[in-house]
Amino acid sequence: MKKLLLILPLLFWFGCEDDKDENPLYGLWEFDQLHTISGYDTLGLVTVDEPTWWAKITENSYKEYFKMGTADSICYIEGIGYPIVISELGENLYQLDVSNDNNTGLELEVDGNRLYFRMVNDARDGPTASAIKIDSYDFTPLCD
């Protein structure tokens, strides 16, 4: 009985590990800044008035959502959940190889709750877009 009393606290301690080791890349990201060019001027990342693009990243998939329509008639497009391979390039710096028709490579940097997004084959010096991590979003109604 004494052995059981010694083992129970250990089992409880191991069973209650927190998820601090979870990759900070995983989650739902709302793109609120886009790389902008106006005429011949490169403005860099500019905050959008209303987000229209989201990405959900898990251990093995990448899925995008898009807002369509006008204020009177808004709907959402749910993209395909593409399989991905995540490579860690450095501290909070990742490359995602997305298995789609284009075999796209994305370079993503996480800085707290902010994500910086860049296409691997993009000639721009800085990120293409930036997103903030959110807990959830209601993507209804879906577009026909």
N, C-alpha and C. Protein backbone atom coordinates (compact mmCIF):
# COMPACT_ATOMS: atom_id res chain seq x y z
N MET A 1 0.82 -1.19 0.00
CA MET A 1 0.00 0.00 0.00
C MET A 1 0.87 1.26 0.00
N LYS A 2 1.99 1.24 0.76
CA LYS A 2 2.87 2.40 0.81
C LYS A 2 3.48 2.65 -0.56
N LYS A 3 3.80 1.58 -1.30
CA LYS A 3 4.36 1.76 -2.65
C LYS A 3 3.36 2.44 -3.56
N LEU A 4 2.09 2.05 -3.44
CA LEU A 4 1.03 2.65 -4.25
C LEU A 4 0.90 4.14 -3.94
N LEU A 5 1.01 4.50 -2.67
CA LEU A 5 0.92 5.91 -2.29
C LEU A 5 2.09 6.72 -2.82
N LEU A 6 3.24 6.10 -3.00
CA LEU A 6 4.40 6.78 -3.56
C LEU A 6 4.29 6.92 -5.08
N ILE A 7 3.67 5.94 -5.72
CA ILE A 7 3.56 5.93 -7.18
C ILE A 7 2.47 6.88 -7.67
N LEU A 8 1.36 6.99 -6.94
CA LEU A 8 0.23 7.82 -7.39
C LEU A 8 0.62 9.28 -7.65
N PRO A 9 1.37 9.95 -6.78
CA PRO A 9 1.75 11.34 -7.10
C PRO A 9 2.60 11.44 -8.36
N LEU A 10 3.46 10.46 -8.61
CA LEU A 10 4.27 10.46 -9.83
C LEU A 10 3.40 10.32 -11.07
N LEU A 11 2.43 9.41 -11.00
CA LEU A 11 1.52 9.23 -12.14
C LEU A 11 0.73 10.51 -12.40
N PHE A 12 0.27 11.15 -11.34
CA PHE A 12 -0.47 12.40 -11.49
C PHE A 12 0.41 13.47 -12.11
N TRP A 13 1.66 13.58 -11.67
CA TRP A 13 2.58 14.59 -12.18
C TRP A 13 2.87 14.37 -13.66
N PHE A 14 3.12 13.12 -14.08
CA PHE A 14 3.38 12.84 -15.49
C PHE A 14 2.12 13.02 -16.33
N GLY A 15 0.97 12.70 -15.79
CA GLY A 15 -0.29 12.80 -16.53
C GLY A 15 -0.75 14.23 -16.72
N CYS A 16 -0.22 15.17 -15.97
CA CYS A 16 -0.68 16.56 -16.04
C CYS A 16 0.35 17.47 -16.71
N GLU A 17 1.14 16.93 -17.61
CA GLU A 17 2.09 17.77 -18.33
C GLU A 17 1.34 18.79 -19.16
N ASP A 18 1.88 19.99 -19.25
CA ASP A 18 1.22 21.00 -20.08
C ASP A 18 1.69 20.89 -21.52
N ASP A 19 1.06 21.67 -22.40
CA ASP A 19 1.34 21.59 -23.83
C ASP A 19 2.32 22.67 -24.27
N LYS A 20 3.23 23.09 -23.42
CA LYS A 20 4.17 24.15 -23.78
C LYS A 20 5.09 23.74 -24.91
N ASP A 21 5.23 22.45 -25.17
CA ASP A 21 6.10 22.00 -26.25
C ASP A 21 5.40 22.05 -27.61
N GLU A 22 4.11 22.41 -27.65
CA GLU A 22 3.40 22.47 -28.92
C GLU A 22 4.01 23.56 -29.80
N ASN A 23 4.13 23.27 -31.06
CA ASN A 23 4.71 24.19 -32.02
C ASN A 23 3.90 25.49 -32.06
N PRO A 24 4.52 26.66 -31.90
CA PRO A 24 3.78 27.93 -31.92
C PRO A 24 3.17 28.23 -33.29
N LEU A 25 3.54 27.49 -34.29
CA LEU A 25 3.01 27.67 -35.64
C LEU A 25 1.58 27.14 -35.76
N TYR A 26 1.23 26.16 -34.94
CA TYR A 26 -0.08 25.52 -35.03
C TYR A 26 -1.17 26.47 -34.55
N GLY A 27 -2.24 26.53 -35.32
CA GLY A 27 -3.39 27.34 -34.92
C GLY A 27 -4.05 28.02 -36.10
N LEU A 28 -4.96 28.93 -35.78
CA LEU A 28 -5.70 29.68 -36.78
C LEU A 28 -5.13 31.09 -36.84
N TRP A 29 -4.76 31.51 -38.05
CA TRP A 29 -4.10 32.80 -38.26
C TRP A 29 -4.97 33.69 -39.15
N GLU A 30 -5.18 34.93 -38.73
CA GLU A 30 -5.97 35.90 -39.49
C GLU A 30 -5.01 36.92 -40.09
N PHE A 31 -4.96 36.96 -41.42
CA PHE A 31 -4.03 37.86 -42.11
C PHE A 31 -4.60 39.28 -42.09
N ASP A 32 -3.92 40.15 -41.37
CA ASP A 32 -4.39 41.53 -41.22
C ASP A 32 -3.41 42.55 -41.80
N GLN A 33 -2.30 42.07 -42.38
CA GLN A 33 -1.35 42.95 -43.05
C GLN A 33 -0.90 42.28 -44.35
N LEU A 34 -0.92 43.04 -45.44
CA LEU A 34 -0.53 42.51 -46.74
C LEU A 34 0.54 43.40 -47.36
N HIS A 35 1.46 42.79 -48.09
CA HIS A 35 2.49 43.54 -48.81
C HIS A 35 1.79 44.35 -49.90
N THR A 36 2.07 45.63 -49.95
CA THR A 36 1.33 46.52 -50.84
C THR A 36 2.29 47.34 -51.70
N ILE A 37 1.91 47.46 -52.97
CA ILE A 37 2.64 48.30 -53.92
C ILE A 37 1.63 49.30 -54.48
N SER A 38 2.00 50.58 -54.48
CA SER A 38 1.14 51.61 -55.02
C SER A 38 1.92 52.35 -56.10
N GLY A 39 1.56 52.10 -57.36
CA GLY A 39 2.32 52.68 -58.46
C GLY A 39 3.72 52.09 -58.46
N TYR A 40 4.72 52.96 -58.37
CA TYR A 40 6.10 52.50 -58.32
C TYR A 40 6.63 52.41 -56.88
N ASP A 41 5.78 52.72 -55.91
CA ASP A 41 6.20 52.74 -54.51
C ASP A 41 5.86 51.42 -53.82
N THR A 42 6.84 50.84 -53.18
CA THR A 42 6.60 49.65 -52.37
C THR A 42 6.34 50.14 -50.96
N LEU A 43 5.14 49.87 -50.48
CA LEU A 43 4.75 50.33 -49.15
C LEU A 43 5.06 49.30 -48.07
N GLY A 44 5.35 48.07 -48.46
CA GLY A 44 5.61 47.01 -47.47
C GLY A 44 4.32 46.48 -46.88
N LEU A 45 4.37 46.03 -45.64
CA LEU A 45 3.17 45.50 -45.00
C LEU A 45 2.25 46.64 -44.58
N VAL A 46 1.02 46.57 -45.05
CA VAL A 46 0.02 47.58 -44.73
C VAL A 46 -1.18 46.87 -44.10
N THR A 47 -1.68 47.44 -43.00
CA THR A 47 -2.82 46.85 -42.31
C THR A 47 -4.07 46.99 -43.18
N VAL A 48 -4.82 45.91 -43.32
CA VAL A 48 -6.05 45.92 -44.10
C VAL A 48 -7.20 46.40 -43.23
N ASP A 49 -8.22 46.98 -43.87
CA ASP A 49 -9.38 47.46 -43.12
C ASP A 49 -10.16 46.31 -42.50
N GLU A 50 -10.32 45.25 -43.28
CA GLU A 50 -11.07 44.09 -42.80
C GLU A 50 -10.44 42.83 -43.37
N PRO A 51 -10.01 41.91 -42.50
CA PRO A 51 -9.37 40.68 -42.99
C PRO A 51 -10.29 39.85 -43.89
N THR A 52 -9.69 39.28 -44.94
CA THR A 52 -10.45 38.42 -45.86
C THR A 52 -9.74 37.08 -46.09
N TRP A 53 -8.69 36.80 -45.31
CA TRP A 53 -7.87 35.61 -45.55
C TRP A 53 -7.41 35.05 -44.20
N TRP A 54 -7.61 33.74 -44.03
CA TRP A 54 -7.20 33.04 -42.83
C TRP A 54 -6.48 31.76 -43.22
N ALA A 55 -5.63 31.26 -42.35
CA ALA A 55 -4.96 29.98 -42.57
C ALA A 55 -4.97 29.19 -41.27
N LYS A 56 -5.28 27.91 -41.39
CA LYS A 56 -5.23 27.01 -40.23
C LYS A 56 -4.07 26.04 -40.46
N ILE A 57 -3.15 26.02 -39.50
CA ILE A 57 -1.97 25.17 -39.62
C ILE A 57 -1.99 24.16 -38.48
N THR A 58 -1.87 22.90 -38.86
CA THR A 58 -1.75 21.82 -37.88
C THR A 58 -0.44 21.09 -38.14
N GLU A 59 -0.22 20.05 -37.41
CA GLU A 59 1.03 19.29 -37.55
C GLU A 59 1.25 18.79 -38.97
N ASN A 60 0.16 18.47 -39.67
CA ASN A 60 0.32 17.87 -41.00
C ASN A 60 -0.59 18.45 -42.08
N SER A 61 -1.21 19.63 -41.83
CA SER A 61 -2.03 20.20 -42.90
C SER A 61 -2.05 21.73 -42.85
N TYR A 62 -2.32 22.30 -44.01
CA TYR A 62 -2.42 23.75 -44.19
C TYR A 62 -3.71 24.00 -44.97
N LYS A 63 -4.62 24.81 -44.38
CA LYS A 63 -5.90 25.09 -45.02
C LYS A 63 -6.17 26.59 -44.95
N GLU A 64 -6.62 27.15 -46.09
CA GLU A 64 -6.93 28.57 -46.14
C GLU A 64 -8.44 28.78 -46.24
N TYR A 65 -8.88 29.93 -45.75
CA TYR A 65 -10.27 30.36 -45.83
C TYR A 65 -10.27 31.78 -46.38
N PHE A 66 -11.28 32.10 -47.21
CA PHE A 66 -11.36 33.43 -47.82
C PHE A 66 -12.76 33.98 -47.67
N LYS A 67 -12.85 35.28 -47.40
CA LYS A 67 -14.13 35.98 -47.30
C LYS A 67 -14.44 36.57 -48.67
N MET A 68 -15.66 36.35 -49.15
CA MET A 68 -16.08 36.81 -50.47
C MET A 68 -17.36 37.63 -50.35
N GLY A 69 -17.64 38.43 -51.37
CA GLY A 69 -18.90 39.15 -51.44
C GLY A 69 -18.79 40.59 -51.01
N THR A 70 -19.96 41.19 -50.82
CA THR A 70 -20.06 42.58 -50.39
C THR A 70 -20.73 42.60 -49.01
N ALA A 71 -20.88 43.78 -48.45
CA ALA A 71 -21.47 43.90 -47.11
C ALA A 71 -22.87 43.29 -47.05
N ASP A 72 -23.61 43.34 -48.17
CA ASP A 72 -24.97 42.79 -48.20
C ASP A 72 -24.99 41.27 -48.30
N SER A 73 -23.96 40.70 -48.90
CA SER A 73 -23.97 39.26 -49.16
C SER A 73 -22.56 38.69 -48.98
N ILE A 74 -22.23 38.29 -47.76
CA ILE A 74 -20.91 37.76 -47.46
C ILE A 74 -20.98 36.24 -47.30
N CYS A 75 -19.99 35.56 -47.88
CA CYS A 75 -19.86 34.12 -47.68
C CYS A 75 -18.38 33.78 -47.63
N TYR A 76 -18.07 32.56 -47.26
CA TYR A 76 -16.69 32.14 -47.08
C TYR A 76 -16.37 30.93 -47.95
N ILE A 77 -15.16 30.91 -48.46
CA ILE A 77 -14.66 29.77 -49.22
C ILE A 77 -13.70 29.01 -48.32
N GLU A 78 -13.97 27.73 -48.16
CA GLU A 78 -13.09 26.86 -47.38
C GLU A 78 -12.17 26.14 -48.34
N GLY A 79 -10.89 26.41 -48.23
CA GLY A 79 -9.92 25.79 -49.13
C GLY A 79 -9.69 24.33 -48.79
N ILE A 80 -8.91 23.69 -49.64
CA ILE A 80 -8.54 22.29 -49.44
C ILE A 80 -7.49 22.21 -48.35
N GLY A 81 -7.57 21.21 -47.49
CA GLY A 81 -6.56 20.99 -46.47
C GLY A 81 -5.38 20.24 -47.07
N TYR A 82 -4.35 20.95 -47.46
CA TYR A 82 -3.20 20.34 -48.12
C TYR A 82 -2.27 19.68 -47.10
N PRO A 83 -1.74 18.52 -47.44
CA PRO A 83 -0.70 17.93 -46.58
C PRO A 83 0.56 18.80 -46.63
N ILE A 84 1.25 18.88 -45.50
CA ILE A 84 2.46 19.69 -45.44
C ILE A 84 3.57 18.93 -44.73
N VAL A 85 4.77 19.38 -44.99
CA VAL A 85 5.95 18.94 -44.25
C VAL A 85 6.56 20.20 -43.65
N ILE A 86 6.74 20.21 -42.34
CA ILE A 86 7.29 21.38 -41.66
C ILE A 86 8.75 21.12 -41.33
N SER A 87 9.61 22.05 -41.75
CA SER A 87 11.04 21.99 -41.40
C SER A 87 11.36 23.20 -40.54
N GLU A 88 12.05 22.97 -39.44
CA GLU A 88 12.45 24.08 -38.58
C GLU A 88 13.78 24.62 -39.09
N LEU A 89 13.81 25.91 -39.45
CA LEU A 89 15.01 26.54 -39.99
C LEU A 89 15.82 27.25 -38.91
N GLY A 90 15.18 27.56 -37.82
CA GLY A 90 15.81 28.27 -36.72
C GLY A 90 14.78 28.47 -35.63
N GLU A 91 15.12 29.27 -34.62
CA GLU A 91 14.17 29.50 -33.55
C GLU A 91 12.95 30.25 -34.08
N ASN A 92 11.79 29.61 -34.03
CA ASN A 92 10.52 30.16 -34.50
C ASN A 92 10.52 30.52 -35.99
N LEU A 93 11.37 29.88 -36.77
CA LEU A 93 11.43 30.08 -38.21
C LEU A 93 11.24 28.72 -38.88
N TYR A 94 10.24 28.63 -39.78
CA TYR A 94 9.85 27.35 -40.35
C TYR A 94 9.71 27.44 -41.86
N GLN A 95 9.90 26.32 -42.51
CA GLN A 95 9.55 26.18 -43.91
C GLN A 95 8.46 25.14 -44.00
N LEU A 96 7.40 25.48 -44.72
CA LEU A 96 6.30 24.55 -44.97
C LEU A 96 6.37 24.18 -46.44
N ASP A 97 6.47 22.91 -46.71
CA ASP A 97 6.36 22.43 -48.07
C ASP A 97 4.96 21.88 -48.22
N VAL A 98 4.16 22.59 -49.03
CA VAL A 98 2.75 22.28 -49.21
C VAL A 98 2.60 21.39 -50.43
N SER A 99 1.97 20.24 -50.25
CA SER A 99 1.75 19.31 -51.36
C SER A 99 0.47 19.69 -52.09
N ASN A 100 0.60 20.62 -53.04
CA ASN A 100 -0.53 20.98 -53.89
C ASN A 100 -0.06 20.96 -55.34
N ASP A 101 -0.86 21.47 -56.24
CA ASP A 101 -0.49 21.45 -57.66
C ASP A 101 0.79 22.22 -57.95
N ASN A 102 1.08 23.22 -57.13
CA ASN A 102 2.26 24.06 -57.36
C ASN A 102 3.46 23.64 -56.53
N ASN A 103 3.29 22.68 -55.61
CA ASN A 103 4.34 22.30 -54.66
C ASN A 103 4.96 23.55 -54.04
N THR A 104 4.12 24.34 -53.43
CA THR A 104 4.50 25.63 -52.87
C THR A 104 5.37 25.46 -51.63
N GLY A 105 6.35 26.32 -51.51
CA GLY A 105 7.15 26.40 -50.30
C GLY A 105 6.89 27.72 -49.60
N LEU A 106 6.61 27.67 -48.31
CA LEU A 106 6.34 28.86 -47.53
C LEU A 106 7.37 28.98 -46.43
N GLU A 107 7.82 30.18 -46.18
CA GLU A 107 8.70 30.43 -45.05
C GLU A 107 7.89 31.25 -44.05
N LEU A 108 7.77 30.74 -42.83
CA LEU A 108 6.95 31.38 -41.82
C LEU A 108 7.78 31.65 -40.57
N GLU A 109 7.63 32.84 -40.04
CA GLU A 109 8.31 33.20 -38.80
C GLU A 109 7.26 33.57 -37.77
N VAL A 110 7.36 32.99 -36.59
CA VAL A 110 6.43 33.28 -35.50
C VAL A 110 7.13 34.19 -34.50
N ASP A 111 6.47 35.31 -34.19
CA ASP A 111 6.98 36.24 -33.19
C ASP A 111 5.84 36.51 -32.20
N GLY A 112 5.79 35.70 -31.14
CA GLY A 112 4.67 35.78 -30.20
C GLY A 112 3.40 35.31 -30.87
N ASN A 113 2.39 36.18 -30.94
CA ASN A 113 1.13 35.86 -31.62
C ASN A 113 1.08 36.44 -33.03
N ARG A 114 2.22 36.76 -33.60
CA ARG A 114 2.29 37.33 -34.94
C ARG A 114 3.04 36.37 -35.85
N LEU A 115 2.50 36.17 -37.06
CA LEU A 115 3.09 35.28 -38.06
C LEU A 115 3.49 36.11 -39.27
N TYR A 116 4.71 35.92 -39.76
CA TYR A 116 5.18 36.58 -40.99
C TYR A 116 5.28 35.51 -42.06
N PHE A 117 4.66 35.76 -43.21
CA PHE A 117 4.44 34.79 -44.27
C PHE A 117 5.20 35.23 -45.51
N ARG A 118 5.99 34.32 -46.08
CA ARG A 118 6.74 34.63 -47.30
C ARG A 118 6.80 33.39 -48.18
N MET A 119 6.53 33.57 -49.46
CA MET A 119 6.68 32.48 -50.42
C MET A 119 8.18 32.27 -50.62
N VAL A 120 8.64 31.02 -50.63
CA VAL A 120 10.07 30.72 -50.74
C VAL A 120 10.65 31.25 -52.03
N ASN A 121 9.91 31.18 -53.13
CA ASN A 121 10.44 31.62 -54.42
C ASN A 121 10.09 33.08 -54.74
N ASP A 122 9.68 33.85 -53.74
CA ASP A 122 9.29 35.25 -53.93
C ASP A 122 10.54 36.13 -53.91
N ALA A 123 10.61 37.09 -54.82
CA ALA A 123 11.78 37.96 -54.92
C ALA A 123 11.75 39.12 -53.93
N ARG A 124 10.65 39.29 -53.21
CA ARG A 124 10.56 40.39 -52.24
C ARG A 124 11.54 40.20 -51.10
N ASP A 125 12.03 41.31 -50.58
CA ASP A 125 12.96 41.25 -49.46
C ASP A 125 12.26 40.90 -48.15
N GLY A 126 11.03 41.34 -47.99
CA GLY A 126 10.31 41.13 -46.74
C GLY A 126 9.16 40.17 -46.90
N PRO A 127 8.36 40.05 -45.87
CA PRO A 127 7.23 39.13 -45.92
C PRO A 127 6.13 39.59 -46.88
N THR A 128 5.38 38.62 -47.41
CA THR A 128 4.26 38.89 -48.29
C THR A 128 3.03 39.32 -47.48
N ALA A 129 2.92 38.77 -46.28
CA ALA A 129 1.77 39.06 -45.43
C ALA A 129 2.14 38.79 -43.98
N SER A 130 1.27 39.27 -43.10
CA SER A 130 1.45 39.04 -41.68
C SER A 130 0.08 38.74 -41.08
N ALA A 131 0.06 37.86 -40.08
CA ALA A 131 -1.20 37.45 -39.48
C ALA A 131 -1.09 37.45 -37.97
N ILE A 132 -2.24 37.52 -37.33
CA ILE A 132 -2.33 37.44 -35.88
C ILE A 132 -3.03 36.13 -35.53
N LYS A 133 -2.58 35.46 -34.48
CA LYS A 133 -3.20 34.20 -34.06
C LYS A 133 -4.51 34.49 -33.36
N ILE A 134 -5.56 33.77 -33.76
CA ILE A 134 -6.87 33.92 -33.12
C ILE A 134 -7.34 32.55 -32.65
N ASP A 135 -8.26 32.55 -31.70
CA ASP A 135 -8.75 31.29 -31.14
C ASP A 135 -9.72 30.59 -32.08
N SER A 136 -10.63 31.34 -32.69
CA SER A 136 -11.62 30.73 -33.57
C SER A 136 -12.25 31.81 -34.45
N TYR A 137 -12.98 31.35 -35.47
CA TYR A 137 -13.70 32.26 -36.36
C TYR A 137 -14.84 31.47 -36.98
N ASP A 138 -15.97 32.12 -37.16
CA ASP A 138 -17.15 31.45 -37.74
C ASP A 138 -17.14 31.67 -39.26
N PHE A 139 -16.78 30.63 -40.01
CA PHE A 139 -16.72 30.72 -41.46
C PHE A 139 -18.05 30.29 -42.08
N THR A 140 -19.14 30.90 -41.63
CA THR A 140 -20.45 30.62 -42.22
C THR A 140 -21.09 31.94 -42.61
N PRO A 141 -21.88 31.92 -43.67
CA PRO A 141 -22.21 30.76 -44.52
C PRO A 141 -21.12 30.51 -45.54
N LEU A 142 -21.01 29.26 -45.97
CA LEU A 142 -20.09 28.91 -47.04
C LEU A 142 -20.68 29.34 -48.38
N CYS A 143 -19.84 29.75 -49.30
CA CYS A 143 -20.29 30.14 -50.64
C CYS A 143 -20.75 28.89 -51.40
N ASP A 144 -21.71 29.10 -52.30
CA ASP A 144 -22.19 27.97 -53.14
C ASP A 144 -21.18 27.59 -54.17
